[in-house]
Amino acid sequence: CYAAYTAQKGQRLAIGGGTYVPDIPAGAAFGPNIPGFVSNLHRPYEKLRVADLLPTAKIYPQVMLAFSL
């Protein structure tokens, strides 16, 4: 799904922190972290670019559909 909307190969990336995923069998956490952009997610001065959120808004529903099949 990521490659279809970004024209970049997706890769797994661990950024640390806690998540709900260990409670979900075969679960995977994912978010709008775009390579090359320092977002400071969950820190002071957290930010995202609108241009990065637009493909994310398309990727999330596709991922949810893929996991529900």
PDB file of N, CA and C in Angstrom:
ATOM      1  N   CYS A   1       0.834  -1.201   0.000  1.00  0.00           N
ATOM      2  CA  CYS A   1       0.000   0.000   0.000  1.00  0.00           C
ATOM      3  C   CYS A   1       0.863   1.244   0.000  1.00  0.00           C
ATOM      4  N   TYR A   2       1.921   1.242   0.787  1.00  0.00           N
ATOM      5  CA  TYR A   2       2.814   2.402   0.863  1.00  0.00           C
ATOM      6  C   TYR A   2       3.426   2.687  -0.508  1.00  0.00           C
ATOM      7  N   ALA A   3       3.942   1.664  -1.161  1.00  0.00           N
ATOM      8  CA  ALA A   3       4.593   1.844  -2.464  1.00  0.00           C
ATOM      9  C   ALA A   3       3.613   2.350  -3.511  1.00  0.00           C
ATOM     10  N   ALA A   4       2.375   1.912  -3.439  1.00  0.00           N
ATOM     11  CA  ALA A   4       1.375   2.323  -4.426  1.00  0.00           C
ATOM     12  C   ALA A   4       1.090   3.822  -4.363  1.00  0.00           C
ATOM     13  N   TYR A   5       1.168   4.411  -3.193  1.00  0.00           N
ATOM     14  CA  TYR A   5       0.832   5.833  -3.041  1.00  0.00           C
ATOM     15  C   TYR A   5       2.038   6.757  -2.933  1.00  0.00           C
ATOM     16  N   THR A   6       3.234   6.196  -2.717  1.00  0.00           N
ATOM     17  CA  THR A   6       4.405   7.053  -2.562  1.00  0.00           C
ATOM     18  C   THR A   6       5.461   6.838  -3.638  1.00  0.00           C
ATOM     19  N   ALA A   7       5.345   5.780  -4.407  1.00  0.00           N
ATOM     20  CA  ALA A   7       6.342   5.395  -5.420  1.00  0.00           C
ATOM     21  C   ALA A   7       7.699   5.108  -4.775  1.00  0.00           C
ATOM     22  N   GLN A   8       7.694   4.756  -3.489  1.00  0.00           N
ATOM     23  CA  GLN A   8       8.906   4.375  -2.778  1.00  0.00           C
ATOM     24  C   GLN A   8       8.691   2.992  -2.179  1.00  0.00           C
ATOM     25  N   LYS A   9       9.749   2.215  -2.100  1.00  0.00           N
ATOM     26  CA  LYS A   9       9.652   0.905  -1.478  1.00  0.00           C
ATOM     27  C   LYS A   9       9.477   1.082   0.035  1.00  0.00           C
ATOM     28  N   GLY A  10       8.506   0.413   0.596  1.00  0.00           N
ATOM     29  CA  GLY A  10       8.298   0.476   2.040  1.00  0.00           C
ATOM     30  C   GLY A  10       9.320  -0.355   2.779  1.00  0.00           C
ATOM     31  N   GLN A  11       9.578   0.009   4.006  1.00  0.00           N
ATOM     32  CA  GLN A  11      10.494  -0.755   4.842  1.00  0.00           C
ATOM     33  C   GLN A  11      10.029  -0.680   6.283  1.00  0.00           C
ATOM     34  N   ARG A  12      10.390  -1.685   7.038  1.00  0.00           N
ATOM     35  CA  ARG A  12      10.064  -1.666   8.458  1.00  0.00           C
ATOM     36  C   ARG A  12      11.038  -0.746   9.176  1.00  0.00           C
ATOM     37  N   LEU A  13      10.513  -0.006  10.128  1.00  0.00           N
ATOM     38  CA  LEU A  13      11.323   0.957  10.857  1.00  0.00           C
ATOM     39  C   LEU A  13      10.873   0.967  12.309  1.00  0.00           C
ATOM     40  N   ALA A  14      11.797   0.743  13.198  1.00  0.00           N
ATOM     41  CA  ALA A  14      11.496   0.805  14.627  1.00  0.00           C
ATOM     42  C   ALA A  14      11.886   2.172  15.148  1.00  0.00           C
ATOM     43  N   ILE A  15      10.928   2.879  15.746  1.00  0.00           N
ATOM     44  CA  ILE A  15      11.239   4.205  16.273  1.00  0.00           C
ATOM     45  C   ILE A  15      11.173   4.234  17.795  1.00  0.00           C
ATOM     46  N   GLY A  16      10.927   3.092  18.406  1.00  0.00           N
ATOM     47  CA  GLY A  16      10.889   3.011  19.856  1.00  0.00           C
ATOM     48  C   GLY A  16       9.541   3.418  20.412  1.00  0.00           C
ATOM     49  N   GLY A  17       9.435   3.385  21.704  1.00  0.00           N
ATOM     50  CA  GLY A  17       8.172   3.755  22.338  1.00  0.00           C
ATOM     51  C   GLY A  17       7.250   2.560  22.510  1.00  0.00           C
ATOM     52  N   GLY A  18       6.199   2.769  23.251  1.00  0.00           N
ATOM     53  CA  GLY A  18       5.243   1.712  23.513  1.00  0.00           C
ATOM     54  C   GLY A  18       4.099   1.736  22.526  1.00  0.00           C
ATOM     55  N   THR A  19       3.426   0.625  22.398  1.00  0.00           N
ATOM     56  CA  THR A  19       2.301   0.510  21.487  1.00  0.00           C
ATOM     57  C   THR A  19       1.346  -0.562  21.978  1.00  0.00           C
ATOM     58  N   TYR A  20       0.176  -0.573  21.434  1.00  0.00           N
ATOM     59  CA  TYR A  20      -0.858  -1.548  21.765  1.00  0.00           C
ATOM     60  C   TYR A  20      -0.650  -2.859  21.020  1.00  0.00           C
ATOM     61  N   VAL A  21       0.246  -2.930  20.054  1.00  0.00           N
ATOM     62  CA  VAL A  21       0.389  -4.068  19.155  1.00  0.00           C
ATOM     63  C   VAL A  21       0.678  -5.398  19.857  1.00  0.00           C
ATOM     64  N   PRO A  22       1.478  -5.439  20.923  1.00  0.00           N
ATOM     65  CA  PRO A  22       1.707  -6.744  21.547  1.00  0.00           C
ATOM     66  C   PRO A  22       0.418  -7.447  21.985  1.00  0.00           C
ATOM     67  N   ASP A  23      -0.659  -6.712  22.156  1.00  0.00           N
ATOM     68  CA  ASP A  23      -1.922  -7.307  22.571  1.00  0.00           C
ATOM     69  C   ASP A  23      -2.744  -7.835  21.396  1.00  0.00           C
ATOM     70  N   ILE A  24      -2.282  -7.628  20.170  1.00  0.00           N
ATOM     71  CA  ILE A  24      -3.020  -8.051  18.982  1.00  0.00           C
ATOM     72  C   ILE A  24      -2.226  -9.147  18.282  1.00  0.00           C
ATOM     73  N   PRO A  25      -2.790 -10.367  18.187  1.00  0.00           N
ATOM     74  CA  PRO A  25      -2.068 -11.441  17.501  1.00  0.00           C
ATOM     75  C   PRO A  25      -1.717 -11.027  16.062  1.00  0.00           C
ATOM     76  N   ALA A  26      -0.464 -11.203  15.690  1.00  0.00           N
ATOM     77  CA  ALA A  26       0.044 -10.863  14.355  1.00  0.00           C
ATOM     78  C   ALA A  26      -0.162  -9.389  14.025  1.00  0.00           C
ATOM     79  N   GLY A  27      -0.222  -8.526  15.029  1.00  0.00           N
ATOM     80  CA  GLY A  27      -0.440  -7.098  14.803  1.00  0.00           C
ATOM     81  C   GLY A  27       0.826  -6.383  14.363  1.00  0.00           C
ATOM     82  N   ALA A  28       0.635  -5.266  13.718  1.00  0.00           N
ATOM     83  CA  ALA A  28       1.753  -4.411  13.289  1.00  0.00           C
ATOM     84  C   ALA A  28       1.332  -2.960  13.464  1.00  0.00           C
ATOM     85  N   ALA A  29       2.140  -2.183  14.152  1.00  0.00           N
ATOM     86  CA  ALA A  29       1.853  -0.758  14.313  1.00  0.00           C
ATOM     87  C   ALA A  29       2.450  -0.011  13.124  1.00  0.00           C
ATOM     88  N   PHE A  30       1.763   1.006  12.680  1.00  0.00           N
ATOM     89  CA  PHE A  30       2.314   1.829  11.614  1.00  0.00           C
ATOM     90  C   PHE A  30       1.790   3.237  11.760  1.00  0.00           C
ATOM     91  N   GLY A  31       2.516   4.177  11.177  1.00  0.00           N
ATOM     92  CA  GLY A  31       2.125   5.566  11.310  1.00  0.00           C
ATOM     93  C   GLY A  31       2.668   6.410  10.173  1.00  0.00           C
ATOM     94  N   PRO A  32       2.462   7.707  10.254  1.00  0.00           N
ATOM     95  CA  PRO A  32       2.794   8.599   9.154  1.00  0.00           C
ATOM     96  C   PRO A  32       4.242   9.082   9.121  1.00  0.00           C
ATOM     97  N   ASN A  33       5.168   8.261   9.538  1.00  0.00           N
ATOM     98  CA  ASN A  33       6.569   8.667   9.554  1.00  0.00           C
ATOM     99  C   ASN A  33       7.141   8.552   8.144  1.00  0.00           C
ATOM    100  N   ILE A  34       7.406   9.671   7.500  1.00  0.00           N
ATOM    101  CA  ILE A  34       7.922   9.700   6.141  1.00  0.00           C
ATOM    102  C   ILE A  34       9.448   9.807   6.191  1.00  0.00           C
ATOM    103  N   PRO A  35      10.165   8.894   5.515  1.00  0.00           N
ATOM    104  CA  PRO A  35      11.635   8.934   5.542  1.00  0.00           C
ATOM    105  C   PRO A  35      12.180  10.299   5.119  1.00  0.00           C
ATOM    106  N   GLY A  36      13.188  10.765   5.852  1.00  0.00           N
ATOM    107  CA  GLY A  36      13.845  12.013   5.520  1.00  0.00           C
ATOM    108  C   GLY A  36      13.241  13.248   6.155  1.00  0.00           C
ATOM    109  N   PHE A  37      12.132  13.097   6.884  1.00  0.00           N
ATOM    110  CA  PHE A  37      11.502  14.246   7.525  1.00  0.00           C
ATOM    111  C   PHE A  37      11.565  14.077   9.034  1.00  0.00           C
ATOM    112  N   VAL A  38      12.128  15.042   9.730  1.00  0.00           N
ATOM    113  CA  VAL A  38      12.222  15.003  11.191  1.00  0.00           C
ATOM    114  C   VAL A  38      10.935  15.595  11.753  1.00  0.00           C
ATOM    115  N   SER A  39      10.093  14.741  12.293  1.00  0.00           N
ATOM    116  CA  SER A  39       8.770  15.177  12.741  1.00  0.00           C
ATOM    117  C   SER A  39       8.695  15.485  14.235  1.00  0.00           C
ATOM    118  N   ASN A  40       9.653  14.973  15.010  1.00  0.00           N
ATOM    119  CA  ASN A  40       9.596  15.088  16.474  1.00  0.00           C
ATOM    120  C   ASN A  40       8.293  14.510  17.030  1.00  0.00           C
ATOM    121  N   LEU A  41       7.794  13.448  16.408  1.00  0.00           N
ATOM    122  CA  LEU A  41       6.539  12.858  16.875  1.00  0.00           C
ATOM    123  C   LEU A  41       6.599  12.513  18.355  1.00  0.00           C
ATOM    124  N   HIS A  42       5.557  12.879  19.054  1.00  0.00           N
ATOM    125  CA  HIS A  42       5.380  12.639  20.491  1.00  0.00           C
ATOM    126  C   HIS A  42       6.451  13.335  21.331  1.00  0.00           C
ATOM    127  N   ARG A  43       6.981  14.428  20.814  1.00  0.00           N
ATOM    128  CA  ARG A  43       7.953  15.236  21.541  1.00  0.00           C
ATOM    129  C   ARG A  43       7.527  16.701  21.418  1.00  0.00           C
ATOM    130  N   PRO A  44       8.185  17.588  22.158  1.00  0.00           N
ATOM    131  CA  PRO A  44       7.883  19.015  21.964  1.00  0.00           C
ATOM    132  C   PRO A  44       8.104  19.417  20.503  1.00  0.00           C
ATOM    133  N   TYR A  45       7.297  20.290  20.033  1.00  0.00           N
ATOM    134  CA  TYR A  45       7.367  20.797  18.659  1.00  0.00           C
ATOM    135  C   TYR A  45       7.095  19.704  17.618  1.00  0.00           C
ATOM    136  N   GLU A  46       6.194  18.799  17.974  1.00  0.00           N
ATOM    137  CA  GLU A  46       5.771  17.755  17.044  1.00  0.00           C
ATOM    138  C   GLU A  46       5.164  18.395  15.794  1.00  0.00           C
ATOM    139  N   LYS A  47       5.461  17.844  14.632  1.00  0.00           N
ATOM    140  CA  LYS A  47       4.906  18.415  13.409  1.00  0.00           C
ATOM    141  C   LYS A  47       4.806  17.352  12.323  1.00  0.00           C
ATOM    142  N   LEU A  48       3.905  17.580  11.385  1.00  0.00           N
ATOM    143  CA  LEU A  48       3.752  16.773  10.177  1.00  0.00           C
ATOM    144  C   LEU A  48       3.460  17.722   9.036  1.00  0.00           C
ATOM    145  N   ARG A  49       3.821  17.314   7.837  1.00  0.00           N
ATOM    146  CA  ARG A  49       3.502  18.117   6.660  1.00  0.00           C
ATOM    147  C   ARG A  49       2.179  17.639   6.085  1.00  0.00           C
ATOM    148  N   VAL A  50       1.329  18.567   5.699  1.00  0.00           N
ATOM    149  CA  VAL A  50       0.046  18.220   5.080  1.00  0.00           C
ATOM    150  C   VAL A  50       0.286  17.355   3.854  1.00  0.00           C
ATOM    151  N   ALA A  51       1.312  17.661   3.091  1.00  0.00           N
ATOM    152  CA  ALA A  51       1.625  16.879   1.891  1.00  0.00           C
ATOM    153  C   ALA A  51       1.915  15.421   2.223  1.00  0.00           C
ATOM    154  N   ASP A  52       2.416  15.135   3.441  1.00  0.00           N
ATOM    155  CA  ASP A  52       2.656  13.755   3.862  1.00  0.00           C
ATOM    156  C   ASP A  52       1.392  13.103   4.402  1.00  0.00           C
ATOM    157  N   LEU A  53       0.485  13.896   4.932  1.00  0.00           N
ATOM    158  CA  LEU A  53      -0.750  13.333   5.463  1.00  0.00           C
ATOM    159  C   LEU A  53      -1.709  12.890   4.362  1.00  0.00           C
ATOM    160  N   LEU A  54      -1.664  13.526   3.221  1.00  0.00           N
ATOM    161  CA  LEU A  54      -2.582  13.181   2.141  1.00  0.00           C
ATOM    162  C   LEU A  54      -2.388  11.742   1.658  1.00  0.00           C
ATOM    163  N   PRO A  55      -1.169  11.298   1.343  1.00  0.00           N
ATOM    164  CA  PRO A  55      -1.036   9.893   0.974  1.00  0.00           C
ATOM    165  C   PRO A  55      -1.338   8.951   2.144  1.00  0.00           C
ATOM    166  N   THR A  56      -1.022   9.384   3.362  1.00  0.00           N
ATOM    167  CA  THR A  56      -1.324   8.571   4.533  1.00  0.00           C
ATOM    168  C   THR A  56      -2.827   8.317   4.647  1.00  0.00           C
ATOM    169  N   ALA A  57      -3.627   9.332   4.351  1.00  0.00           N
ATOM    170  CA  ALA A  57      -5.083   9.184   4.407  1.00  0.00           C
ATOM    171  C   ALA A  57      -5.584   8.187   3.371  1.00  0.00           C
ATOM    172  N   LYS A  58      -4.822   7.944   2.331  1.00  0.00           N
ATOM    173  CA  LYS A  58      -5.180   6.937   1.328  1.00  0.00           C
ATOM    174  C   LYS A  58      -4.616   5.566   1.689  1.00  0.00           C
ATOM    175  N   ILE A  59      -3.442   5.551   2.308  1.00  0.00           N
ATOM    176  CA  ILE A  59      -2.785   4.290   2.668  1.00  0.00           C
ATOM    177  C   ILE A  59      -3.542   3.566   3.777  1.00  0.00           C
ATOM    178  N   TYR A  60      -3.946   4.273   4.827  1.00  0.00           N
ATOM    179  CA  TYR A  60      -4.581   3.622   5.976  1.00  0.00           C
ATOM    180  C   TYR A  60      -5.796   2.790   5.591  1.00  0.00           C
ATOM    181  N   PRO A  61      -6.758   3.322   4.815  1.00  0.00           N
ATOM    182  CA  PRO A  61      -7.905   2.478   4.467  1.00  0.00           C
ATOM    183  C   PRO A  61      -7.507   1.254   3.646  1.00  0.00           C
ATOM    184  N   GLN A  62      -6.512   1.394   2.779  1.00  0.00           N
ATOM    185  CA  GLN A  62      -6.072   0.247   1.985  1.00  0.00           C
ATOM    186  C   GLN A  62      -5.461  -0.836   2.875  1.00  0.00           C
ATOM    187  N   VAL A  63      -4.679  -0.430   3.869  1.00  0.00           N
ATOM    188  CA  VAL A  63      -4.089  -1.382   4.801  1.00  0.00           C
ATOM    189  C   VAL A  63      -5.187  -2.090   5.596  1.00  0.00           C
ATOM    190  N   MET A  64      -6.171  -1.326   6.061  1.00  0.00           N
ATOM    191  CA  MET A  64      -7.266  -1.927   6.828  1.00  0.00           C
ATOM    192  C   MET A  64      -8.042  -2.941   5.983  1.00  0.00           C
ATOM    193  N   LEU A  65      -8.272  -2.614   4.734  1.00  0.00           N
ATOM    194  CA  LEU A  65      -8.947  -3.555   3.841  1.00  0.00           C
ATOM    195  C   LEU A  65      -8.093  -4.805   3.624  1.00  0.00           C
ATOM    196  N   ALA A  66      -6.800  -4.630   3.424  1.00  0.00           N
ATOM    197  CA  ALA A  66      -5.917  -5.769   3.194  1.00  0.00           C
ATOM    198  C   ALA A  66      -5.899  -6.705   4.398  1.00  0.00           C
ATOM    199  N   PHE A  67      -5.893  -6.144   5.605  1.00  0.00           N
ATOM    200  CA  PHE A  67      -5.856  -6.981   6.811  1.00  0.00           C
ATOM    201  C   PHE A  67      -7.206  -7.629   7.105  1.00  0.00           C
ATOM    202  N   SER A  68      -8.266  -7.083   6.570  1.00  0.00           N
ATOM    203  CA  SER A  68      -9.589  -7.641   6.878  1.00  0.00           C
ATOM    204  C   SER A  68      -9.971  -8.782   5.946  1.00  0.00           C
ATOM    205  N   LEU A  69      -9.200  -9.013   4.880  1.00  0.00           N
ATOM    206  CA  LEU A  69      -9.531 -10.084   3.917  1.00  0.00           C
ATOM    207  C   LEU A  69      -9.125 -11.437   4.407  1.00  0.00           C
TER     208      LEU A  69
END
